[in-house]
């Protein structure tokens, strides 16, 4: 799950305009592609494929497609790193996130993992203060606390629901939050092509040895197709997200990430027969509402700062 829109300044030239219908459709298909990716990954890891092998296939496909799309044979900026230590750390956090998520998917329902993962915007807002100096105000901190209550409802520590798989999902949320913060930090320093390329090439190289040790030949055409499609779904989702963000402001696209809860719940039922319990849905609803409030609050703050800047 490397797909929750990163916090970035809203595009004020389109922020007051209605969101074009085509942008809505693209945003919905963006997060549907990510939901299909996780569904395919869950199918593969529950079928017995090693999680690290599935992760490697996902990033290998992503790296190949990124190399072709960005024409890596002629783009020197794709290989240039202005801040190599942070680029490397960022490139390690993303595969760690995916590995933790795929490990969680072996036991958890899709609705459970996405419910926990949707707390990323709240965690990023909380961590942005000490790490980036972007301190949240009392209203956003109140929303963070409410969202944390929602997470507790989903994971229910001290009950039979809380398990190692829940811990894997929480770790995926933490590592992706750190990845998002590093992305914000590097976005003004590095080229887009290098950020995309290095986020998948490090994973491909790092995980190649254990993937070849624990990997296995696909046992069916369906398994082969799913393994081959993971990278395309991941890269395709990112391409659609960029397209939607060009048609509408980031503040309008970002809330569509919560549509993934609907996609994941539907796919979990259709493919695996999973029906999330009432507590999971209650916790997910609280997390979604808290996240949407935080996004809206940050949009209003960005607008106010832009007005003050133009007045000066």
Protein backbone atom coordinates (compact mmCIF):
# COMPACT_ATOMS: atom_id res chain seq x y z
CA UNK A 1 0.00 0.00 0.00
CA UNK A 2 1.98 2.88 -1.33
CA UNK A 3 -0.85 4.96 -2.53
CA UNK A 4 -2.33 7.31 0.04
CA UNK A 5 -1.90 10.84 -1.43
CA UNK A 6 0.98 12.67 0.18
CA UNK A 7 0.22 15.95 1.90
CA UNK A 8 1.28 18.80 -0.34
CA UNK A 9 0.22 22.40 -0.91
CA UNK A 10 -3.16 22.67 -2.57
CA UNK A 11 -3.32 24.00 -6.08
CA UNK A 12 -5.06 27.29 -5.36
CA UNK A 13 -5.79 28.00 -9.01
CA UNK A 14 -8.29 25.13 -9.12
CA UNK A 15 -9.09 24.71 -5.44
CA UNK A 16 -12.25 26.81 -5.68
CA UNK A 17 -13.52 25.09 -8.83
CA UNK A 18 -15.88 22.12 -8.86
CA UNK A 19 -14.12 18.81 -9.32
CA UNK A 20 -14.51 17.69 -12.95
CA UNK A 21 -16.53 14.45 -13.28
CA UNK A 22 -13.68 12.86 -15.24
CA UNK A 23 -11.34 13.53 -12.30
CA UNK A 24 -13.80 11.81 -9.96
CA UNK A 25 -13.95 8.75 -12.21
CA UNK A 26 -10.16 8.61 -12.49
CA UNK A 27 -9.77 8.97 -8.70
CA UNK A 28 -12.22 6.12 -8.11
CA UNK A 29 -10.40 3.88 -10.58
CA UNK A 30 -7.08 4.87 -8.99
CA UNK A 31 -8.01 3.43 -5.63
CA UNK A 32 -9.84 0.52 -7.18
CA UNK A 33 -6.56 -0.51 -8.84
CA UNK A 34 -4.80 -0.42 -5.48
CA UNK A 35 -7.61 -2.49 -3.96
CA UNK A 36 -7.28 -5.07 -6.75
CA UNK A 37 -3.51 -5.16 -6.10
CA UNK A 38 -4.04 -6.00 -2.42
CA UNK A 39 -6.71 -8.55 -3.32
CA UNK A 40 -4.33 -10.30 -5.70
CA UNK A 41 -1.57 -10.22 -3.10
CA UNK A 42 -3.86 -11.73 -0.45
CA UNK A 43 -4.90 -14.48 -2.84
CA UNK A 44 -1.25 -15.33 -3.58
CA UNK A 45 0.05 -15.31 0.01
CA UNK A 46 -2.90 -17.36 1.25
CA UNK A 47 -2.26 -19.80 -1.62
CA UNK A 48 1.18 -20.50 -0.17
CA UNK A 49 3.51 -18.14 -2.03
CA UNK A 50 6.15 -16.52 0.20
CA UNK A 51 5.24 -12.91 1.00
CA UNK A 52 8.75 -11.70 0.18
CA UNK A 53 8.53 -13.34 -3.27
CA UNK A 54 5.18 -11.67 -3.97
CA UNK A 55 6.62 -8.31 -2.85
CA UNK A 56 9.62 -8.78 -5.15
CA UNK A 57 7.37 -9.54 -8.13
CA UNK A 58 5.34 -6.42 -7.37
CA UNK A 59 8.41 -4.14 -7.33
CA UNK A 60 10.23 -5.87 -10.18
CA UNK A 61 7.23 -5.25 -12.44
CA UNK A 62 6.97 -1.68 -11.16
CA UNK A 63 10.68 -1.04 -11.87
CA UNK A 64 10.47 -2.40 -15.42
CA UNK A 65 7.39 -0.31 -16.24
CA UNK A 66 8.89 2.82 -14.64
CA UNK A 67 12.09 2.34 -16.69
CA UNK A 68 10.05 2.16 -19.88
CA UNK A 69 7.66 5.03 -19.06
CA UNK A 70 10.44 7.40 -18.00
CA UNK A 71 12.71 6.22 -20.85
CA UNK A 72 15.52 5.32 -18.51
CA UNK A 73 17.95 4.81 -21.37
CA UNK A 74 17.92 8.56 -22.08
CA UNK A 75 16.88 10.23 -18.80
CA UNK A 76 19.95 11.08 -16.71
CA UNK A 77 17.81 12.86 -14.10
CA UNK A 78 16.18 9.53 -13.21
CA UNK A 79 19.46 8.30 -11.72
CA UNK A 80 20.58 11.55 -10.09
CA UNK A 81 20.26 11.76 -6.29
CA UNK A 82 20.81 15.05 -4.49
CA UNK A 83 20.22 13.50 -1.07
CA UNK A 84 21.34 9.89 -1.36
CA UNK A 85 20.92 8.88 2.34
CA UNK A 86 17.27 9.97 2.43
CA UNK A 87 16.58 8.50 -1.01
CA UNK A 88 17.96 5.16 0.15
CA UNK A 89 16.02 5.27 3.41
CA UNK A 90 12.84 6.12 1.50
CA UNK A 91 13.55 3.31 -0.93
CA UNK A 92 13.79 0.86 1.98
CA UNK A 93 10.67 2.04 3.79
CA UNK A 94 8.34 1.38 0.86
CA UNK A 95 9.20 -2.33 0.40
CA UNK A 96 9.09 -2.73 4.18
CA UNK A 97 5.56 -1.30 4.12
CA UNK A 98 4.51 -3.68 1.35
CA UNK A 99 6.07 -6.70 3.03
CA UNK A 100 4.39 -5.93 6.37
CA UNK A 101 1.08 -5.42 4.59
CA UNK A 102 1.30 -8.68 2.64
CA UNK A 103 2.22 -10.56 5.83
CA UNK A 104 -0.86 -9.07 7.48
CA UNK A 105 -3.04 -10.09 4.52
CA UNK A 106 -2.31 -13.78 5.14
CA UNK A 107 -4.69 -13.71 8.11
CA UNK A 108 -6.63 -10.45 8.13
CA UNK A 109 -9.59 -9.45 6.01
CA UNK A 110 -9.00 -6.79 3.37
CA UNK A 111 -11.39 -4.47 5.23
CA UNK A 112 -9.31 -4.81 8.41
CA UNK A 113 -5.97 -3.97 6.81
CA UNK A 114 -7.30 -0.97 4.90
CA UNK A 115 -9.12 0.32 8.00
CA UNK A 116 -5.84 0.38 9.92
CA UNK A 117 -3.89 1.75 6.96
CA UNK A 118 -6.30 4.65 6.47
CA UNK A 119 -4.96 6.12 9.71
CA UNK A 120 -1.81 7.15 7.78
CA UNK A 121 -2.94 10.79 7.22
CA UNK A 122 -3.43 11.18 10.95
CA UNK A 123 -0.07 9.64 11.78
CA UNK A 124 1.68 11.79 9.16
CA UNK A 125 0.08 14.90 10.63
CA UNK A 126 1.26 13.89 14.11
CA UNK A 127 4.83 13.06 12.99
CA UNK A 128 5.21 16.10 10.71
CA UNK A 129 5.64 18.32 13.78
CA UNK A 130 8.78 16.79 15.31
CA UNK A 131 10.23 15.63 11.96
CA UNK A 132 9.39 18.54 9.61
CA UNK A 133 8.46 21.36 11.96
CA UNK A 134 4.88 21.35 10.64
CA UNK A 135 3.01 21.36 13.93
CA UNK A 136 -0.69 20.53 14.02
CA UNK A 137 -3.10 22.80 15.87
CA UNK A 138 -5.45 21.72 18.68
CA UNK A 139 -8.31 20.88 16.29
CA UNK A 140 -6.20 18.53 14.20
CA UNK A 141 -4.75 16.94 17.35
CA UNK A 142 -8.28 16.34 18.57
CA UNK A 143 -9.08 14.65 15.24
CA UNK A 144 -5.92 12.55 15.57
CA UNK A 145 -7.01 11.37 19.00
CA UNK A 146 -10.48 10.51 17.73
CA UNK A 147 -8.92 8.60 14.83
CA UNK A 148 -6.72 6.71 17.27
CA UNK A 149 -9.86 5.60 19.09
CA UNK A 150 -11.09 4.28 15.76
CA UNK A 151 -7.87 2.28 15.31
CA UNK A 152 -8.27 0.82 18.80
CA UNK A 153 -11.80 -0.27 17.92
CA UNK A 154 -10.50 -2.06 14.81
CA UNK A 155 -7.51 -3.81 16.44
CA UNK A 156 -9.13 -4.35 19.88
CA UNK A 157 -6.00 -5.01 21.98
CA UNK A 158 -6.51 -7.55 24.74
CA UNK A 159 -9.02 -9.58 22.72
CA UNK A 160 -8.73 -12.54 20.34
CA UNK A 161 -8.86 -10.11 17.41
CA UNK A 162 -5.45 -8.66 18.31
CA UNK A 163 -2.77 -10.88 16.76
CA UNK A 164 0.61 -10.87 15.04
CA UNK A 165 -1.14 -10.01 11.78
CA UNK A 166 -2.56 -6.87 13.41
CA UNK A 167 0.98 -5.94 14.44
CA UNK A 168 2.18 -6.41 10.85
CA UNK A 169 -0.58 -4.08 9.67
CA UNK A 170 0.30 -1.45 12.28
CA UNK A 171 3.98 -1.65 11.27
CA UNK A 172 2.95 -1.14 7.63
CA UNK A 173 1.08 1.99 8.67
CA UNK A 174 4.05 3.36 10.59
CA UNK A 175 6.62 2.68 7.87
CA UNK A 176 4.40 4.19 5.19
CA UNK A 177 3.83 7.29 7.30
CA UNK A 178 7.61 7.75 7.53
CA UNK A 179 7.86 7.12 3.79
CA UNK A 180 5.26 9.85 3.17
CA UNK A 181 7.15 12.33 5.33
CA UNK A 182 10.40 11.59 3.48
CA UNK A 183 8.57 12.05 0.19
CA UNK A 184 7.40 15.48 1.30
CA UNK A 185 10.94 16.32 2.33
CA UNK A 186 12.48 15.16 -0.95
CA UNK A 187 9.78 16.36 -3.35
CA UNK A 188 11.39 19.79 -3.75
CA UNK A 189 14.92 18.36 -4.10
CA UNK A 190 14.61 15.34 -6.39
CA UNK A 191 13.03 14.78 -9.79
CA UNK A 192 9.73 12.91 -10.01
CA UNK A 193 11.30 10.20 -12.14
CA UNK A 194 14.07 9.53 -9.60
CA UNK A 195 11.57 9.38 -6.73
CA UNK A 196 9.47 6.82 -8.61
CA UNK A 197 12.41 4.80 -9.91
CA UNK A 198 14.41 4.55 -6.69
CA UNK A 199 11.32 3.71 -4.67
CA UNK A 200 11.05 0.45 -6.63
CA UNK A 201 14.62 -0.35 -7.72
CA UNK A 202 15.95 -0.56 -4.15
CA UNK A 203 13.17 -3.02 -3.28
CA UNK A 204 13.88 -5.06 -6.41
CA UNK A 205 17.60 -5.37 -5.68
CA UNK A 206 17.30 -5.83 -1.92
CA UNK A 207 14.65 -8.53 -2.10
CA UNK A 208 16.03 -10.43 -5.09
CA UNK A 209 18.21 -12.92 -3.09
CA UNK A 210 15.51 -14.03 -0.61
CA UNK A 211 12.90 -13.96 -3.39
CA UNK A 212 14.90 -16.45 -5.43
CA UNK A 213 15.43 -18.61 -2.34
CA UNK A 214 11.78 -18.67 -1.23
CA UNK A 215 10.14 -18.12 -4.62
CA UNK A 216 8.43 -20.81 -6.64
CA UNK A 217 7.10 -21.23 -10.14
CA UNK A 218 3.43 -20.29 -10.50
CA UNK A 219 1.25 -23.39 -10.26
CA UNK A 220 -1.46 -22.06 -12.58
CA UNK A 221 -2.06 -19.51 -15.31
CA UNK A 222 -4.11 -17.45 -12.84
CA UNK A 223 -1.24 -17.33 -10.34
CA UNK A 224 1.21 -16.30 -13.07
CA UNK A 225 -1.17 -13.57 -14.26
CA UNK A 226 -1.63 -12.24 -10.74
CA UNK A 227 2.13 -12.15 -10.06
CA UNK A 228 2.72 -10.40 -13.37
CA UNK A 229 -0.07 -7.88 -12.80
CA UNK A 230 1.03 -6.59 -9.38
CA UNK A 231 3.62 -4.17 -10.71
CA UNK A 232 1.28 -2.95 -13.47
CA UNK A 233 -1.50 -2.31 -10.94
CA UNK A 234 0.86 -0.41 -8.64
CA UNK A 235 2.38 1.71 -11.40
CA UNK A 236 -0.99 2.17 -13.11
CA UNK A 237 -2.53 3.42 -9.89
CA UNK A 238 0.21 6.00 -9.50
CA UNK A 239 -0.20 7.17 -13.09
CA UNK A 240 -3.96 7.58 -12.59
CA UNK A 241 -3.35 9.43 -9.32
CA UNK A 242 -1.05 11.90 -11.08
CA UNK A 243 -3.64 12.35 -13.84
CA UNK A 244 -6.44 13.01 -11.34
CA UNK A 245 -4.22 15.49 -9.46
CA UNK A 246 -3.63 17.42 -12.68
CA UNK A 247 -7.36 17.72 -13.33
CA UNK A 248 -8.32 18.70 -9.78
CA UNK A 249 -6.63 20.07 -6.68
CA UNK A 250 -4.90 17.68 -4.29
CA UNK A 251 -7.38 18.61 -1.55
CA UNK A 252 -10.25 17.34 -3.72
CA UNK A 253 -8.51 14.13 -4.84
CA UNK A 254 -7.17 13.11 -1.42
CA UNK A 255 -10.52 12.16 0.23
CA UNK A 256 -11.16 9.62 -2.52
CA UNK A 257 -8.59 7.39 -0.82
CA UNK A 258 -11.39 6.42 1.55
CA UNK A 259 -13.31 4.90 -1.35
CA UNK A 260 -10.75 2.12 -1.10
CA UNK A 261 -12.53 0.89 2.01
CA UNK A 262 -15.59 0.21 -0.15
CA UNK A 263 -13.55 -1.49 -2.87
CA UNK A 264 -11.66 -3.65 -0.37
CA UNK A 265 -14.81 -4.65 1.50
CA UNK A 266 -16.58 -5.58 -1.75
CA UNK A 267 -13.60 -7.52 -3.12
CA UNK A 268 -13.08 -9.26 0.21
CA UNK A 269 -16.66 -10.51 0.08
CA UNK A 270 -16.63 -11.44 -3.63
CA UNK A 271 -13.26 -13.22 -3.67
CA UNK A 272 -12.90 -14.56 -0.13
CA UNK A 273 -16.41 -14.46 1.30
CA UNK A 274 -15.24 -12.14 4.11
CA UNK A 275 -17.81 -10.01 5.90
CA UNK A 276 -16.29 -7.45 8.32
CA UNK A 277 -17.93 -7.31 11.72
CA UNK A 278 -19.71 -4.28 13.10
CA UNK A 279 -16.77 -3.20 15.28
CA UNK A 280 -14.42 -3.09 12.29
CA UNK A 281 -16.86 -0.98 10.29
CA UNK A 282 -17.46 1.35 13.25
CA UNK A 283 -13.73 1.86 13.74
CA UNK A 284 -13.24 2.35 10.00
CA UNK A 285 -15.98 4.99 9.91
CA UNK A 286 -14.36 6.91 12.79
CA UNK A 287 -10.94 6.73 11.10
CA UNK A 288 -12.37 7.95 7.78
CA UNK A 289 -14.24 10.86 9.34
CA UNK A 290 -11.17 11.92 11.33
CA UNK A 291 -8.95 11.72 8.26
CA UNK A 292 -11.37 13.73 6.12
CA UNK A 293 -11.58 16.39 8.83
CA UNK A 294 -7.78 16.65 8.99
CA UNK A 295 -7.52 16.92 5.19
CA UNK A 296 -10.20 19.60 5.09
CA UNK A 297 -8.59 21.51 7.96
CA UNK A 298 -5.21 21.50 6.23
CA UNK A 299 -6.87 22.71 3.01
CA UNK A 300 -8.44 25.65 4.88
CA UNK A 301 -5.11 26.50 6.52
CA UNK A 302 -3.33 26.38 3.15
CA UNK A 303 -5.96 28.73 1.69
CA UNK A 304 -5.58 31.17 4.57
CA UNK A 305 -1.79 31.18 4.28
CA UNK A 306 -2.07 31.75 0.53
CA UNK A 307 -4.38 34.76 1.10
CA UNK A 308 -2.00 36.21 3.69
CA UNK A 309 0.92 35.68 1.33
CA UNK A 310 -0.82 37.44 -1.55
CA UNK A 311 -1.85 40.31 0.74
CA UNK A 312 1.77 40.86 1.71
